[in-house]
Amino acid sequence: MGALIVLRRRSRGVSEVVSSVTMLAITVAVLGGVGLISIGSLRSANAVLLSGSQNAENEAGVLLSLVSTQGNSSGTYVWIFNYGWAEGRITSVYLNGGIESGWKSTCGALRPEQLCFVELPPATTGSLVVEFGARTISISL
C-alpha cells in the first residue's frame, strides 16, 4: 500500500508539470497572436500617419510670392513665384469673390523656384485670389 501512495504522488506531480507547461504554451500562443495583430495595427497606423504628414508637408511646401502685375490691350498678367519646396497646381481663380473662368496660365505644375504667370482678360480689375490647393495668394489689380 505504501508503494501505491508513492505512485499516486508521482502521477500527480507529473500532471501538475504537464498542466503548467500546457498553460504556459497556451499563454505564449495567445500572446503571440495578440502581438501579431497589434504589430499589424501599428503598421497600418504608421502608414496613415506617414501619408498625412507627407500631404501636410506638400501643402505647407507651396510658398507663393507675387512678382509683378501688368495690364495692357492683350490681357492682364500676374507673375507668381514659388519659393517653397513642393510643387503646386492652380485649382481655381476668384475675381471679386466669384469664380473666374476666363483665365490661362503657364502654372501647370508650379515647381519650387519657378516663375509662372496667370493671364486674365484685358482691363481686369478688382481683388484676385489664386488658389494652389490649400494655399492662396491674394492680389489687388
Protein backbone atom coordinates (compact mmCIF):
# COMPACT_ATOMS: atom_id res chain seq x y z
CA MET A 1 0.00 0.00 0.00
CA GLY A 2 2.87 2.36 0.67
CA ALA A 3 4.15 1.90 -2.90
CA LEU A 4 0.74 2.74 -4.28
CA ILE A 5 0.70 6.06 -2.44
CA VAL A 6 4.15 6.94 -3.83
CA LEU A 7 2.99 6.12 -7.35
CA ARG A 8 -0.03 8.37 -6.99
CA ARG A 9 2.14 11.21 -5.81
CA ARG A 10 4.37 10.81 -8.88
CA SER A 11 1.46 10.93 -11.28
CA ARG A 12 0.02 13.87 -9.50
CA GLY A 13 3.39 15.65 -9.79
CA VAL A 14 3.72 14.80 -13.47
CA SER A 15 0.21 16.04 -14.26
CA GLU A 16 0.90 19.33 -12.44
CA VAL A 17 4.07 19.84 -14.51
CA VAL A 18 2.25 18.90 -17.74
CA SER A 19 -0.67 21.21 -16.96
CA SER A 20 1.71 24.07 -16.08
CA VAL A 21 3.66 23.60 -19.33
CA THR A 22 0.39 23.36 -21.28
CA MET A 23 -0.92 26.59 -19.72
CA LEU A 24 2.40 28.27 -20.47
CA ALA A 25 2.25 27.13 -24.11
CA ILE A 26 -1.36 28.35 -24.45
CA THR A 27 -0.45 31.70 -22.89
CA VAL A 28 2.55 32.15 -25.21
CA ALA A 29 0.40 31.25 -28.25
CA VAL A 30 -2.34 33.71 -27.27
CA LEU A 31 0.15 36.49 -26.55
CA GLY A 32 1.93 35.79 -29.84
CA GLY A 33 -1.36 36.10 -31.75
CA VAL A 34 -2.23 39.32 -29.96
CA GLY A 35 1.28 40.61 -30.67
CA LEU A 36 0.94 39.91 -34.40
CA ILE A 37 -2.42 41.66 -34.52
CA SER A 38 -1.06 44.69 -32.67
CA ILE A 39 2.02 44.90 -34.93
CA GLY A 40 -0.26 44.87 -37.97
CA SER A 41 -2.35 47.60 -36.41
CA LEU A 42 0.75 49.69 -35.66
CA ARG A 43 1.98 49.31 -39.24
CA SER A 44 -1.40 50.44 -40.54
CA ALA A 45 -1.44 53.44 -38.19
CA ASN A 46 2.12 54.29 -39.20
CA ALA A 47 1.13 54.28 -42.89
CA VAL A 48 -1.81 56.60 -42.20
CA LEU A 49 0.36 58.99 -40.18
CA LEU A 50 3.11 58.97 -42.80
CA SER A 51 0.64 59.71 -45.58
CA GLY A 52 -0.93 62.52 -43.59
CA SER A 53 2.41 64.10 -42.76
CA GLN A 54 3.54 63.93 -46.39
CA ASN A 55 0.33 65.65 -47.51
CA ALA A 56 0.79 68.31 -44.85
CA GLU A 57 4.40 68.81 -45.93
CA ASN A 58 3.36 69.22 -49.56
CA GLU A 59 0.61 71.69 -48.68
CA ALA A 60 2.95 73.66 -46.44
CA GLY A 61 5.74 73.48 -49.01
CA VAL A 62 4.00 75.67 -51.61
CA LEU A 63 5.13 79.18 -50.70
CA LEU A 64 3.96 81.84 -53.14
CA SER A 65 5.11 85.33 -53.83
CA LEU A 66 3.68 87.96 -56.16
CA VAL A 67 6.40 89.17 -58.50
CA SER A 68 4.53 91.61 -60.71
CA THR A 69 1.26 92.53 -62.40
CA GLN A 70 0.78 94.14 -65.79
CA GLY A 71 -2.23 95.11 -67.82
CA ASN A 72 -2.29 96.01 -71.50
CA SER A 73 -4.57 95.62 -74.53
CA SER A 74 -3.79 91.89 -74.86
CA GLY A 75 -4.60 90.98 -71.25
CA THR A 76 -3.91 91.38 -67.56
CA TYR A 77 -0.91 89.35 -66.34
CA VAL A 78 0.05 88.26 -62.84
CA TRP A 79 3.51 86.71 -62.26
CA ILE A 80 3.80 84.32 -59.31
CA PHE A 81 6.95 82.70 -57.87
CA ASN A 82 7.07 79.50 -55.77
CA TYR A 83 9.90 79.80 -53.23
CA GLY A 84 8.81 76.66 -51.33
CA TRP A 85 9.98 73.05 -51.60
CA ALA A 86 6.87 71.41 -53.10
CA GLU A 87 5.09 71.94 -56.40
CA GLY A 88 1.57 73.30 -56.63
CA ARG A 89 -1.19 73.44 -59.22
CA ILE A 90 -3.77 76.17 -59.65
CA THR A 91 -7.10 74.78 -58.51
CA SER A 92 -9.20 77.91 -59.01
CA VAL A 93 -9.10 81.65 -59.61
CA TYR A 94 -11.54 84.09 -57.99
CA LEU A 95 -12.17 87.66 -59.07
CA ASN A 96 -14.07 89.96 -56.68
CA GLY A 97 -15.33 86.94 -54.71
CA GLY A 98 -16.69 85.00 -57.69
CA ILE A 99 -15.08 82.21 -59.65
CA GLU A 100 -13.23 83.45 -62.75
CA SER A 101 -13.40 81.27 -65.84
CA GLY A 102 -11.59 83.35 -68.48
CA TRP A 103 -8.01 82.79 -67.33
CA LYS A 104 -4.99 81.00 -68.80
CA SER A 105 -1.76 80.07 -67.11
CA THR A 106 1.72 78.65 -67.50
CA CYS A 107 1.39 77.26 -63.97
CA GLY A 108 0.50 73.67 -64.92
CA ALA A 109 2.69 72.44 -62.11
CA LEU A 110 4.45 75.32 -60.39
CA ARG A 111 7.66 73.68 -59.20
CA PRO A 112 9.91 75.09 -56.50
CA GLU A 113 11.93 78.12 -57.58
CA GLN A 114 9.82 78.51 -60.70
CA LEU A 115 8.03 81.56 -62.05
CA CYS A 116 4.74 81.44 -63.94
CA PHE A 117 2.02 83.81 -64.97
CA VAL A 118 -1.76 83.91 -64.93
CA GLU A 119 -3.39 85.69 -67.87
CA LEU A 120 -6.78 87.33 -67.43
CA PRO A 121 -8.94 89.25 -69.92
CA PRO A 122 -7.85 92.83 -70.72
CA ALA A 123 -8.78 95.59 -68.25
CA THR A 124 -9.45 93.15 -65.40
CA THR A 125 -9.57 94.99 -62.08
CA GLY A 126 -10.51 94.15 -58.54
CA SER A 127 -9.49 91.62 -55.95
CA LEU A 128 -7.94 88.46 -57.40
CA VAL A 129 -7.37 85.26 -55.41
CA VAL A 130 -5.40 82.40 -56.99
CA GLU A 131 -5.68 79.04 -55.23
CA PHE A 132 -2.90 76.43 -55.31
CA GLY A 133 -4.61 73.61 -53.40
CA ALA A 134 -4.72 74.72 -49.77
CA ARG A 135 -2.53 77.78 -50.43
CA THR A 136 -3.83 81.06 -51.85
CA ILE A 137 -2.34 84.30 -52.98
CA SER A 138 -4.43 87.49 -52.93
CA ILE A 139 -3.72 90.28 -55.38
CA SER A 140 -5.31 93.68 -55.86
CA LEU A 141 -5.47 94.61 -59.54
